[in-house]
Amino acid sequence: MSFVEKWDKAFDARDRDALAALLDDEFVFVRHQSGKEIPKEDMLNMWTSDGPRVVLNNYRVIYENDDIVVTHRFIDFPSGDKEAVLGVINLKNGKGIRMETGATPMTS
């Protein structure tokens, strides 16, 4: 199973242990709006918390190898906002070490 397949399964299930196993201890998520780096534990809390979820539409993997994953999707947020999001996950020893997104707001 590829990294993306494992990631999607764990993310959809809000499986904290499975997500944590896919991320390096030094993992950071870089916010596209501010450039702020968010550590692994904070992102795990966000991704696995109860409550409204984002809706991913037209999700596709553009490229994946042992070093990098590049994805694109349209996201509907609980707030009603919509964005087209390009995501990049840098991999190290089969685990995510850095994730960064670039987003374009979409109008209705």
PDB file of N, CA and C in Angstrom:
ATOM      1  N   MET A   1       0.848  -1.173   0.000  1.00  0.00           N
ATOM      2  CA  MET A   1       0.000   0.000   0.000  1.00  0.00           C
ATOM      3  C   MET A   1       0.898   1.242   0.000  1.00  0.00           C
ATOM      4  N   SER A   2       0.588   2.204  -0.839  1.00  0.00           N
ATOM      5  CA  SER A   2       1.397   3.427  -0.941  1.00  0.00           C
ATOM      6  C   SER A   2       1.177   4.320   0.283  1.00  0.00           C
ATOM      7  N   PHE A   3       2.068   5.290   0.451  1.00  0.00           N
ATOM      8  CA  PHE A   3       1.928   6.254   1.544  1.00  0.00           C
ATOM      9  C   PHE A   3       0.565   6.929   1.471  1.00  0.00           C
ATOM     10  N   VAL A   4       0.172   7.369   0.281  1.00  0.00           N
ATOM     11  CA  VAL A   4      -1.102   8.082   0.125  1.00  0.00           C
ATOM     12  C   VAL A   4      -2.281   7.188   0.498  1.00  0.00           C
ATOM     13  N   GLU A   5      -2.248   5.932   0.100  1.00  0.00           N
ATOM     14  CA  GLU A   5      -3.346   5.020   0.447  1.00  0.00           C
ATOM     15  C   GLU A   5      -3.449   4.836   1.960  1.00  0.00           C
ATOM     16  N   LYS A   6      -2.312   4.672   2.624  1.00  0.00           N
ATOM     17  CA  LYS A   6      -2.302   4.550   4.090  1.00  0.00           C
ATOM     18  C   LYS A   6      -2.806   5.841   4.734  1.00  0.00           C
ATOM     19  N   TRP A   7      -2.329   6.979   4.209  1.00  0.00           N
ATOM     20  CA  TRP A   7      -2.713   8.277   4.750  1.00  0.00           C
ATOM     21  C   TRP A   7      -4.223   8.487   4.632  1.00  0.00           C
ATOM     22  N   ASP A   8      -4.760   8.252   3.449  1.00  0.00           N
ATOM     23  CA  ASP A   8      -6.190   8.466   3.219  1.00  0.00           C
ATOM     24  C   ASP A   8      -7.038   7.604   4.150  1.00  0.00           C
ATOM     25  N   LYS A   9      -6.660   6.356   4.307  1.00  0.00           N
ATOM     26  CA  LYS A   9      -7.408   5.441   5.178  1.00  0.00           C
ATOM     27  C   LYS A   9      -7.378   5.937   6.626  1.00  0.00           C
ATOM     28  N   ALA A  10      -6.203   6.306   7.116  1.00  0.00           N
ATOM     29  CA  ALA A  10      -6.062   6.786   8.494  1.00  0.00           C
ATOM     30  C   ALA A  10      -6.772   8.119   8.697  1.00  0.00           C
ATOM     31  N   PHE A  11      -6.638   9.032   7.726  1.00  0.00           N
ATOM     32  CA  PHE A  11      -7.260  10.357   7.839  1.00  0.00           C
ATOM     33  C   PHE A  11      -8.780  10.235   7.862  1.00  0.00           C
ATOM     34  N   ASP A  12      -9.327   9.442   6.954  1.00  0.00           N
ATOM     35  CA  ASP A  12     -10.780   9.272   6.895  1.00  0.00           C
ATOM     36  C   ASP A  12     -11.336   8.672   8.178  1.00  0.00           C
ATOM     37  N   ALA A  13     -10.567   7.794   8.815  1.00  0.00           N
ATOM     38  CA  ALA A  13     -11.009   7.135  10.045  1.00  0.00           C
ATOM     39  C   ALA A  13     -10.675   7.943  11.301  1.00  0.00           C
ATOM     40  N   ARG A  14      -9.973   9.062  11.141  1.00  0.00           N
ATOM     41  CA  ARG A  14      -9.490   9.852  12.279  1.00  0.00           C
ATOM     42  C   ARG A  14      -8.677   8.982  13.235  1.00  0.00           C
ATOM     43  N   ASP A  15      -7.870   8.106  12.660  1.00  0.00           N
ATOM     44  CA  ASP A  15      -7.081   7.135  13.417  1.00  0.00           C
ATOM     45  C   ASP A  15      -5.748   7.764  13.820  1.00  0.00           C
ATOM     46  N   ARG A  16      -5.706   8.280  15.038  1.00  0.00           N
ATOM     47  CA  ARG A  16      -4.533   8.997  15.527  1.00  0.00           C
ATOM     48  C   ARG A  16      -3.270   8.135  15.481  1.00  0.00           C
ATOM     49  N   ASP A  17      -3.374   6.890  15.940  1.00  0.00           N
ATOM     50  CA  ASP A  17      -2.193   6.024  15.973  1.00  0.00           C
ATOM     51  C   ASP A  17      -1.661   5.757  14.567  1.00  0.00           C
ATOM     52  N   ALA A  18      -2.561   5.502  13.630  1.00  0.00           N
ATOM     53  CA  ALA A  18      -2.137   5.234  12.253  1.00  0.00           C
ATOM     54  C   ALA A  18      -1.516   6.477  11.624  1.00  0.00           C
ATOM     55  N   LEU A  19      -2.116   7.650  11.854  1.00  0.00           N
ATOM     56  CA  LEU A  19      -1.535   8.886  11.321  1.00  0.00           C
ATOM     57  C   LEU A  19      -0.172   9.150  11.944  1.00  0.00           C
ATOM     58  N   ALA A  20      -0.070   8.982  13.265  1.00  0.00           N
ATOM     59  CA  ALA A  20       1.201   9.223  13.954  1.00  0.00           C
ATOM     60  C   ALA A  20       2.298   8.313  13.413  1.00  0.00           C
ATOM     61  N   ALA A  21       1.939   7.072  13.086  1.00  0.00           N
ATOM     62  CA  ALA A  21       2.921   6.120  12.560  1.00  0.00           C
ATOM     63  C   ALA A  21       3.424   6.516  11.178  1.00  0.00           C
ATOM     64  N   LEU A  22       2.652   7.325  10.462  1.00  0.00           N
ATOM     65  CA  LEU A  22       3.043   7.764   9.121  1.00  0.00           C
ATOM     66  C   LEU A  22       3.896   9.031   9.136  1.00  0.00           C
ATOM     67  N   LEU A  23       4.034   9.657  10.311  1.00  0.00           N
ATOM     68  CA  LEU A  23       4.752  10.921  10.411  1.00  0.00           C
ATOM     69  C   LEU A  23       6.027  10.775  11.233  1.00  0.00           C
ATOM     70  N   ASP A  24       7.098  11.372  10.750  1.00  0.00           N
ATOM     71  CA  ASP A  24       8.354  11.439  11.474  1.00  0.00           C
ATOM     72  C   ASP A  24       8.151  12.256  12.746  1.00  0.00           C
ATOM     73  N   ASP A  25       8.938  11.989  13.773  1.00  0.00           N
ATOM     74  CA  ASP A  25       8.820  12.754  15.023  1.00  0.00           C
ATOM     75  C   ASP A  25       9.091  14.239  14.816  1.00  0.00           C
ATOM     76  N   GLU A  26       9.864  14.578  13.790  1.00  0.00           N
ATOM     77  CA  GLU A  26      10.198  15.976  13.496  1.00  0.00           C
ATOM     78  C   GLU A  26       9.223  16.624  12.504  1.00  0.00           C
ATOM     79  N   PHE A  27       8.127  15.962  12.206  1.00  0.00           N
ATOM     80  CA  PHE A  27       7.152  16.462  11.229  1.00  0.00           C
ATOM     81  C   PHE A  27       6.671  17.871  11.574  1.00  0.00           C
ATOM     82  N   VAL A  28       6.525  18.694  10.527  1.00  0.00           N
ATOM     83  CA  VAL A  28       5.887  20.009  10.660  1.00  0.00           C
ATOM     84  C   VAL A  28       4.931  20.212   9.486  1.00  0.00           C
ATOM     85  N   PHE A  29       3.853  20.904   9.776  1.00  0.00           N
ATOM     86  CA  PHE A  29       2.909  21.349   8.751  1.00  0.00           C
ATOM     87  C   PHE A  29       3.120  22.843   8.606  1.00  0.00           C
ATOM     88  N   VAL A  30       3.297  23.316   7.382  1.00  0.00           N
ATOM     89  CA  VAL A  30       3.522  24.740   7.139  1.00  0.00           C
ATOM     90  C   VAL A  30       2.231  25.343   6.604  1.00  0.00           C
ATOM     91  N   ARG A  31       1.687  26.308   7.343  1.00  0.00           N
ATOM     92  CA  ARG A  31       0.448  26.974   6.934  1.00  0.00           C
ATOM     93  C   ARG A  31       0.715  27.853   5.725  1.00  0.00           C
ATOM     94  N   HIS A  32      -0.118  27.680   4.690  1.00  0.00           N
ATOM     95  CA  HIS A  32       0.113  28.427   3.456  1.00  0.00           C
ATOM     96  C   HIS A  32      -0.161  29.917   3.620  1.00  0.00           C
ATOM     97  N   GLN A  33      -1.065  30.285   4.518  1.00  0.00           N
ATOM     98  CA  GLN A  33      -1.387  31.706   4.673  1.00  0.00           C
ATOM     99  C   GLN A  33      -0.288  32.482   5.393  1.00  0.00           C
ATOM    100  N   SER A  34       0.316  31.869   6.416  1.00  0.00           N
ATOM    101  CA  SER A  34       1.242  32.608   7.267  1.00  0.00           C
ATOM    102  C   SER A  34       2.680  32.105   7.227  1.00  0.00           C
ATOM    103  N   GLY A  35       2.894  30.890   6.739  1.00  0.00           N
ATOM    104  CA  GLY A  35       4.223  30.298   6.788  1.00  0.00           C
ATOM    105  C   GLY A  35       4.552  29.709   8.151  1.00  0.00           C
ATOM    106  N   LYS A  36       3.612  29.785   9.104  1.00  0.00           N
ATOM    107  CA  LYS A  36       3.822  29.264  10.452  1.00  0.00           C
ATOM    108  C   LYS A  36       3.952  27.745  10.408  1.00  0.00           C
ATOM    109  N   GLU A  37       4.932  27.212  11.151  1.00  0.00           N
ATOM    110  CA  GLU A  37       5.132  25.774  11.239  1.00  0.00           C
ATOM    111  C   GLU A  37       4.389  25.222  12.448  1.00  0.00           C
ATOM    112  N   ILE A  38       3.600  24.177  12.219  1.00  0.00           N
ATOM    113  CA  ILE A  38       2.817  23.550  13.277  1.00  0.00           C
ATOM    114  C   ILE A  38       3.382  22.151  13.499  1.00  0.00           C
ATOM    115  N   PRO A  39       3.716  21.796  14.760  1.00  0.00           N
ATOM    116  CA  PRO A  39       4.333  20.498  15.022  1.00  0.00           C
ATOM    117  C   PRO A  39       3.356  19.322  14.921  1.00  0.00           C
ATOM    118  N   LYS A  40       3.930  18.148  14.872  1.00  0.00           N
ATOM    119  CA  LYS A  40       3.200  16.890  14.698  1.00  0.00           C
ATOM    120  C   LYS A  40       2.026  16.744  15.664  1.00  0.00           C
ATOM    121  N   GLU A  41       2.256  16.890  16.954  1.00  0.00           N
ATOM    122  CA  GLU A  41       1.194  16.657  17.945  1.00  0.00           C
ATOM    123  C   GLU A  41       0.012  17.594  17.746  1.00  0.00           C
ATOM    124  N   ASP A  42       0.275  18.851  17.426  1.00  0.00           N
ATOM    125  CA  ASP A  42      -0.814  19.809  17.197  1.00  0.00           C
ATOM    126  C   ASP A  42      -1.631  19.420  15.971  1.00  0.00           C
ATOM    127  N   MET A  43      -0.949  18.962  14.921  1.00  0.00           N
ATOM    128  CA  MET A  43      -1.680  18.545  13.719  1.00  0.00           C
ATOM    129  C   MET A  43      -2.467  17.268  13.971  1.00  0.00           C
ATOM    130  N   LEU A  44      -1.897  16.329  14.715  1.00  0.00           N
ATOM    131  CA  LEU A  44      -2.640  15.112  15.054  1.00  0.00           C
ATOM    132  C   LEU A  44      -3.905  15.459  15.827  1.00  0.00           C
ATOM    133  N   ASN A  45      -3.802  16.404  16.755  1.00  0.00           N
ATOM    134  CA  ASN A  45      -4.986  16.845  17.506  1.00  0.00           C
ATOM    135  C   ASN A  45      -6.042  17.415  16.567  1.00  0.00           C
ATOM    136  N   MET A  46      -5.618  18.218  15.611  1.00  0.00           N
ATOM    137  CA  MET A  46      -6.548  18.839  14.670  1.00  0.00           C
ATOM    138  C   MET A  46      -7.192  17.790  13.758  1.00  0.00           C
ATOM    139  N   TRP A  47      -6.383  16.899  13.215  1.00  0.00           N
ATOM    140  CA  TRP A  47      -6.872  15.912  12.250  1.00  0.00           C
ATOM    141  C   TRP A  47      -7.765  14.850  12.868  1.00  0.00           C
ATOM    142  N   THR A  48      -7.614  14.591  14.175  1.00  0.00           N
ATOM    143  CA  THR A  48      -8.355  13.487  14.786  1.00  0.00           C
ATOM    144  C   THR A  48      -9.430  13.944  15.758  1.00  0.00           C
ATOM    145  N   SER A  49      -9.648  15.237  15.886  1.00  0.00           N
ATOM    146  CA  SER A  49     -10.658  15.727  16.824  1.00  0.00           C
ATOM    147  C   SER A  49     -12.065  15.457  16.301  1.00  0.00           C
ATOM    148  N   ASP A  50     -12.999  15.366  17.243  1.00  0.00           N
ATOM    149  CA  ASP A  50     -14.404  15.234  16.865  1.00  0.00           C
ATOM    150  C   ASP A  50     -14.884  16.571  16.319  1.00  0.00           C
ATOM    151  N   GLY A  51     -15.990  16.545  15.638  1.00  0.00           N
ATOM    152  CA  GLY A  51     -16.563  17.783  15.129  1.00  0.00           C
ATOM    153  C   GLY A  51     -16.595  17.803  13.621  1.00  0.00           C
ATOM    154  N   PRO A  52     -16.999  18.940  13.073  1.00  0.00           N
ATOM    155  CA  PRO A  52     -17.134  19.056  11.612  1.00  0.00           C
ATOM    156  C   PRO A  52     -15.805  18.795  10.910  1.00  0.00           C
ATOM    157  N   ARG A  53     -15.902  18.185   9.749  1.00  0.00           N
ATOM    158  CA  ARG A  53     -14.727  17.889   8.939  1.00  0.00           C
ATOM    159  C   ARG A  53     -14.799  18.667   7.637  1.00  0.00           C
ATOM    160  N   VAL A  54     -13.632  18.874   7.058  1.00  0.00           N
ATOM    161  CA  VAL A  54     -13.607  19.417   5.706  1.00  0.00           C
ATOM    162  C   VAL A  54     -14.085  18.326   4.758  1.00  0.00           C
ATOM    163  N   VAL A  55     -14.608  18.737   3.608  1.00  0.00           N
ATOM    164  CA  VAL A  55     -15.027  17.795   2.574  1.00  0.00           C
ATOM    165  C   VAL A  55     -14.042  17.925   1.420  1.00  0.00           C
ATOM    166  N   LEU A  56     -13.409  16.798   1.051  1.00  0.00           N
ATOM    167  CA  LEU A  56     -12.449  16.784  -0.049  1.00  0.00           C
ATOM    168  C   LEU A  56     -13.165  16.379  -1.324  1.00  0.00           C
ATOM    169  N   ASN A  57     -13.000  17.176  -2.365  1.00  0.00           N
ATOM    170  CA  ASN A  57     -13.624  16.899  -3.658  1.00  0.00           C
ATOM    171  C   ASN A  57     -12.553  16.806  -4.738  1.00  0.00           C
ATOM    172  N   ASN A  58     -12.797  15.950  -5.713  1.00  0.00           N
ATOM    173  CA  ASN A  58     -11.889  15.814  -6.861  1.00  0.00           C
ATOM    174  C   ASN A  58     -10.441  15.632  -6.424  1.00  0.00           C
ATOM    175  N   TYR A  59     -10.243  14.841  -5.378  1.00  0.00           N
ATOM    176  CA  TYR A  59      -8.910  14.579  -4.842  1.00  0.00           C
ATOM    177  C   TYR A  59      -8.121  13.722  -5.822  1.00  0.00           C
ATOM    178  N   ARG A  60      -6.885  14.123  -6.084  1.00  0.00           N
ATOM    179  CA  ARG A  60      -6.043  13.313  -6.954  1.00  0.00           C
ATOM    180  C   ARG A  60      -4.575  13.442  -6.552  1.00  0.00           C
ATOM    181  N   VAL A  61      -3.858  12.381  -6.794  1.00  0.00           N
ATOM    182  CA  VAL A  61      -2.419  12.361  -6.567  1.00  0.00           C
ATOM    183  C   VAL A  61      -1.756  12.724  -7.887  1.00  0.00           C
ATOM    184  N   ILE A  62      -1.011  13.813  -7.880  1.00  0.00           N
ATOM    185  CA  ILE A  62      -0.310  14.250  -9.083  1.00  0.00           C
ATOM    186  C   ILE A  62       0.991  13.473  -9.247  1.00  0.00           C
ATOM    187  N   TYR A  63       1.690  13.262  -8.118  1.00  0.00           N
ATOM    188  CA  TYR A  63       2.972  12.561  -8.177  1.00  0.00           C
ATOM    189  C   TYR A  63       3.268  11.964  -6.813  1.00  0.00           C
ATOM    190  N   GLU A  64       3.839  10.766  -6.813  1.00  0.00           N
ATOM    191  CA  GLU A  64       4.264  10.129  -5.564  1.00  0.00           C
ATOM    192  C   GLU A  64       5.469   9.242  -5.843  1.00  0.00           C
ATOM    193  N   ASN A  65       6.510   9.410  -5.017  1.00  0.00           N
ATOM    194  CA  ASN A  65       7.636   8.479  -5.026  1.00  0.00           C
ATOM    195  C   ASN A  65       8.127   8.335  -3.586  1.00  0.00           C
ATOM    196  N   ASP A  66       9.326   7.811  -3.379  1.00  0.00           N
ATOM    197  CA  ASP A  66       9.825   7.578  -2.023  1.00  0.00           C
ATOM    198  C   ASP A  66      10.222   8.857  -1.294  1.00  0.00           C
ATOM    199  N   ASP A  67      10.275   9.986  -2.005  1.00  0.00           N
ATOM    200  CA  ASP A  67      10.729  11.243  -1.415  1.00  0.00           C
ATOM    201  C   ASP A  67       9.647  12.303  -1.279  1.00  0.00           C
ATOM    202  N   ILE A  68       8.604  12.221  -2.102  1.00  0.00           N
ATOM    203  CA  ILE A  68       7.639  13.320  -2.144  1.00  0.00           C
ATOM    204  C   ILE A  68       6.277  12.836  -2.631  1.00  0.00           C
ATOM    205  N   VAL A  69       5.245  13.492  -2.132  1.00  0.00           N
ATOM    206  CA  VAL A  69       3.871  13.279  -2.595  1.00  0.00           C
ATOM    207  C   VAL A  69       3.309  14.651  -2.953  1.00  0.00           C
ATOM    208  N   VAL A  70       2.695  14.759  -4.125  1.00  0.00           N
ATOM    209  CA  VAL A  70       2.057  16.005  -4.551  1.00  0.00           C
ATOM    210  C   VAL A  70       0.598  15.686  -4.860  1.00  0.00           C
ATOM    211  N   THR A  71      -0.315  16.433  -4.231  1.00  0.00           N
ATOM    212  CA  THR A  71      -1.750  16.192  -4.415  1.00  0.00           C
ATOM    213  C   THR A  71      -2.470  17.488  -4.771  1.00  0.00           C
ATOM    214  N   HIS A  72      -3.669  17.336  -5.301  1.00  0.00           N
ATOM    215  CA  HIS A  72      -4.542  18.482  -5.553  1.00  0.00           C
ATOM    216  C   HIS A  72      -5.955  18.082  -5.180  1.00  0.00           C
ATOM    217  N   ARG A  73      -6.687  19.020  -4.627  1.00  0.00           N
ATOM    218  CA  ARG A  73      -8.081  18.772  -4.265  1.00  0.00           C
ATOM    219  C   ARG A  73      -8.812  20.093  -4.118  1.00  0.00           C
ATOM    220  N   PHE A  74     -10.111  20.013  -4.121  1.00  0.00           N
ATOM    221  CA  PHE A  74     -10.962  21.136  -3.753  1.00  0.00           C
ATOM    222  C   PHE A  74     -11.502  20.820  -2.368  1.00  0.00           C
ATOM    223  N   ILE A  75     -11.458  21.799  -1.472  1.00  0.00           N
ATOM    224  CA  ILE A  75     -11.890  21.573  -0.094  1.00  0.00           C
ATOM    225  C   ILE A  75     -13.046  22.500   0.243  1.00  0.00           C
ATOM    226  N   ASP A  76     -14.100  21.910   0.804  1.00  0.00           N
ATOM    227  CA  ASP A  76     -15.220  22.662   1.371  1.00  0.00           C
ATOM    228  C   ASP A  76     -15.042  22.646   2.885  1.00  0.00           C
ATOM    229  N   PHE A  77     -14.909  23.827   3.481  1.00  0.00           N
ATOM    230  CA  PHE A  77     -14.708  23.941   4.921  1.00  0.00           C
ATOM    231  C   PHE A  77     -16.046  24.090   5.637  1.00  0.00           C
ATOM    232  N   PRO A  78     -16.113  23.686   6.919  1.00  0.00           N
ATOM    233  CA  PRO A  78     -17.359  23.832   7.677  1.00  0.00           C
ATOM    234  C   PRO A  78     -17.880  25.274   7.693  1.00  0.00           C
ATOM    235  N   SER A  79     -16.987  26.244   7.539  1.00  0.00           N
ATOM    236  CA  SER A  79     -17.378  27.660   7.534  1.00  0.00           C
ATOM    237  C   SER A  79     -18.116  28.062   6.264  1.00  0.00           C
ATOM    238  N   GLY A  80     -18.060  27.193   5.235  1.00  0.00           N
ATOM    239  CA  GLY A  80     -18.648  27.521   3.942  1.00  0.00           C
ATOM    240  C   GLY A  80     -17.620  27.973   2.925  1.00  0.00           C
ATOM    241  N   ASP A  81     -16.403  28.270   3.385  1.00  0.00           N
ATOM    242  CA  ASP A  81     -15.329  28.645   2.467  1.00  0.00           C
ATOM    243  C   ASP A  81     -14.936  27.447   1.613  1.00  0.00           C
ATOM    244  N   LYS A  82     -14.460  27.741   0.398  1.00  0.00           N
ATOM    245  CA  LYS A  82     -13.999  26.699  -0.520  1.00  0.00           C
ATOM    246  C   LYS A  82     -12.646  27.116  -1.073  1.00  0.00           C
ATOM    247  N   GLU A  83     -11.736  26.142  -1.180  1.00  0.00           N
ATOM    248  CA  GLU A  83     -10.408  26.415  -1.712  1.00  0.00           C
ATOM    249  C   GLU A  83      -9.964  25.290  -2.638  1.00  0.00           C
ATOM    250  N   ALA A  84      -9.164  25.652  -3.627  1.00  0.00           N
ATOM    251  CA  ALA A  84      -8.422  24.675  -4.422  1.00  0.00           C
ATOM    252  C   ALA A  84      -7.055  24.573  -3.752  1.00  0.00           C
ATOM    253  N   VAL A  85      -6.649  23.358  -3.376  1.00  0.00           N
ATOM    254  CA  VAL A  85      -5.448  23.195  -2.557  1.00  0.00           C
ATOM    255  C   VAL A  85      -4.451  22.242  -3.217  1.00  0.00           C
ATOM    256  N   LEU A  86      -3.232  22.730  -3.372  1.00  0.00           N
ATOM    257  CA  LEU A  86      -2.113  21.918  -3.818  1.00  0.00           C
ATOM    258  C   LEU A  86      -1.325  21.555  -2.566  1.00  0.00           C
ATOM    259  N   GLY A  87      -1.098  20.270  -2.338  1.00  0.00           N
ATOM    260  CA  GLY A  87      -0.380  19.828  -1.147  1.00  0.00           C
ATOM    261  C   GLY A  87       0.883  19.076  -1.509  1.00  0.00           C
ATOM    262  N   VAL A  88       1.918  19.287  -0.710  1.00  0.00           N
ATOM    263  CA  VAL A  88       3.189  18.592  -0.897  1.00  0.00           C
ATOM    264  C   VAL A  88       3.598  17.993   0.445  1.00  0.00           C
ATOM    265  N   ILE A  89       3.924  16.707   0.433  1.00  0.00           N
ATOM    266  CA  ILE A  89       4.438  16.036   1.623  1.00  0.00           C
ATOM    267  C   ILE A  89       5.834  15.525   1.285  1.00  0.00           C
ATOM    268  N   ASN A  90       6.828  16.030   2.006  1.00  0.00           N
ATOM    269  CA  ASN A  90       8.187  15.507   1.864  1.00  0.00           C
ATOM    270  C   ASN A  90       8.305  14.276   2.755  1.00  0.00           C
ATOM    271  N   LEU A  91       8.888  13.206   2.208  1.00  0.00           N
ATOM    272  CA  LEU A  91       9.025  11.950   2.936  1.00  0.00           C
ATOM    273  C   LEU A  91      10.483  11.698   3.309  1.00  0.00           C
ATOM    274  N   LYS A  92      10.661  11.075   4.470  1.00  0.00           N
ATOM    275  CA  LYS A  92      11.990  10.681   4.943  1.00  0.00           C
ATOM    276  C   LYS A  92      11.838   9.292   5.558  1.00  0.00           C
ATOM    277  N   ASN A  93      12.531   8.317   4.998  1.00  0.00           N
ATOM    278  CA  ASN A  93      12.435   6.936   5.479  1.00  0.00           C
ATOM    279  C   ASN A  93      10.992   6.439   5.514  1.00  0.00           C
ATOM    280  N   GLY A  94      10.212   6.822   4.495  1.00  0.00           N
ATOM    281  CA  GLY A  94       8.838   6.353   4.372  1.00  0.00           C
ATOM    282  C   GLY A  94       7.820   7.087   5.215  1.00  0.00           C
ATOM    283  N   LYS A  95       8.262   8.127   5.937  1.00  0.00           N
ATOM    284  CA  LYS A  95       7.350   8.891   6.791  1.00  0.00           C
ATOM    285  C   LYS A  95       7.327  10.358   6.361  1.00  0.00           C
ATOM    286  N   GLY A  96       6.183  11.006   6.594  1.00  0.00           N
ATOM    287  CA  GLY A  96       6.078  12.426   6.306  1.00  0.00           C
ATOM    288  C   GLY A  96       6.937  13.225   7.260  1.00  0.00           C
ATOM    289  N   ILE A  97       7.755  14.120   6.726  1.00  0.00           N
ATOM    290  CA  ILE A  97       8.613  14.976   7.545  1.00  0.00           C
ATOM    291  C   ILE A  97       8.155  16.434   7.476  1.00  0.00           C
ATOM    292  N   ARG A  98       7.515  16.805   6.358  1.00  0.00           N
ATOM    293  CA  ARG A  98       7.060  18.189   6.169  1.00  0.00           C
ATOM    294  C   ARG A  98       5.888  18.170   5.201  1.00  0.00           C
ATOM    295  N   MET A  99       4.858  18.930   5.541  1.00  0.00           N
ATOM    296  CA  MET A  99       3.706  19.084   4.659  1.00  0.00           C
ATOM    297  C   MET A  99       3.452  20.573   4.489  1.00  0.00           C
ATOM    298  N   GLU A 100       3.219  20.954   3.254  1.00  0.00           N
ATOM    299  CA  GLU A 100       2.917  22.353   2.969  1.00  0.00           C
ATOM    300  C   GLU A 100       1.827  22.402   1.917  1.00  0.00           C
ATOM    301  N   THR A 101       0.975  23.407   2.039  1.00  0.00           N
ATOM    302  CA  THR A 101      -0.108  23.567   1.078  1.00  0.00           C
ATOM    303  C   THR A 101      -0.064  24.958   0.472  1.00  0.00           C
ATOM    304  N   GLY A 102      -0.626  25.053  -0.702  1.00  0.00           N
ATOM    305  CA  GLY A 102      -0.878  26.328  -1.346  1.00  0.00           C
ATOM    306  C   GLY A 102      -2.340  26.319  -1.738  1.00  0.00           C
ATOM    307  N   ALA A 103      -3.050  27.384  -1.454  1.00  0.00           N
ATOM    308  CA  ALA A 103      -4.495  27.369  -1.681  1.00  0.00           C
ATOM    309  C   ALA A 103      -4.959  28.620  -2.404  1.00  0.00           C
ATOM    310  N   THR A 104      -5.980  28.425  -3.210  1.00  0.00           N
ATOM    311  CA  THR A 104      -6.640  29.521  -3.905  1.00  0.00           C
ATOM    312  C   THR A 104      -8.101  29.532  -3.489  1.00  0.00           C
ATOM    313  N   PRO A 105      -8.578  30.643  -2.906  1.00  0.00           N
ATOM    314  CA  PRO A 105      -9.998  30.712  -2.549  1.00  0.00           C
ATOM    315  C   PRO A 105     -10.864  30.589  -3.802  1.00  0.00           C
ATOM    316  N   MET A 106     -11.956  29.862  -3.673  1.00  0.00           N
ATOM    317  CA  MET A 106     -12.890  29.659  -4.779  1.00  0.00           C
ATOM    318  C   MET A 106     -14.176  30.414  -4.465  1.00  0.00           C
ATOM    319  N   THR A 107     -14.710  31.080  -5.457  1.00  0.00           N
ATOM    320  CA  THR A 107     -15.983  31.769  -5.278  1.00  0.00           C
ATOM    321  C   THR A 107     -17.106  30.868  -5.760  1.00  0.00           C
ATOM    322  N   SER A 108     -18.271  31.081  -5.209  1.00  0.00           N
ATOM    323  CA  SER A 108     -19.426  30.244  -5.584  1.00  0.00           C
ATOM    324  C   SER A 108     -19.919  30.558  -6.962  1.00  0.00           C
TER     325      SER A 108
END
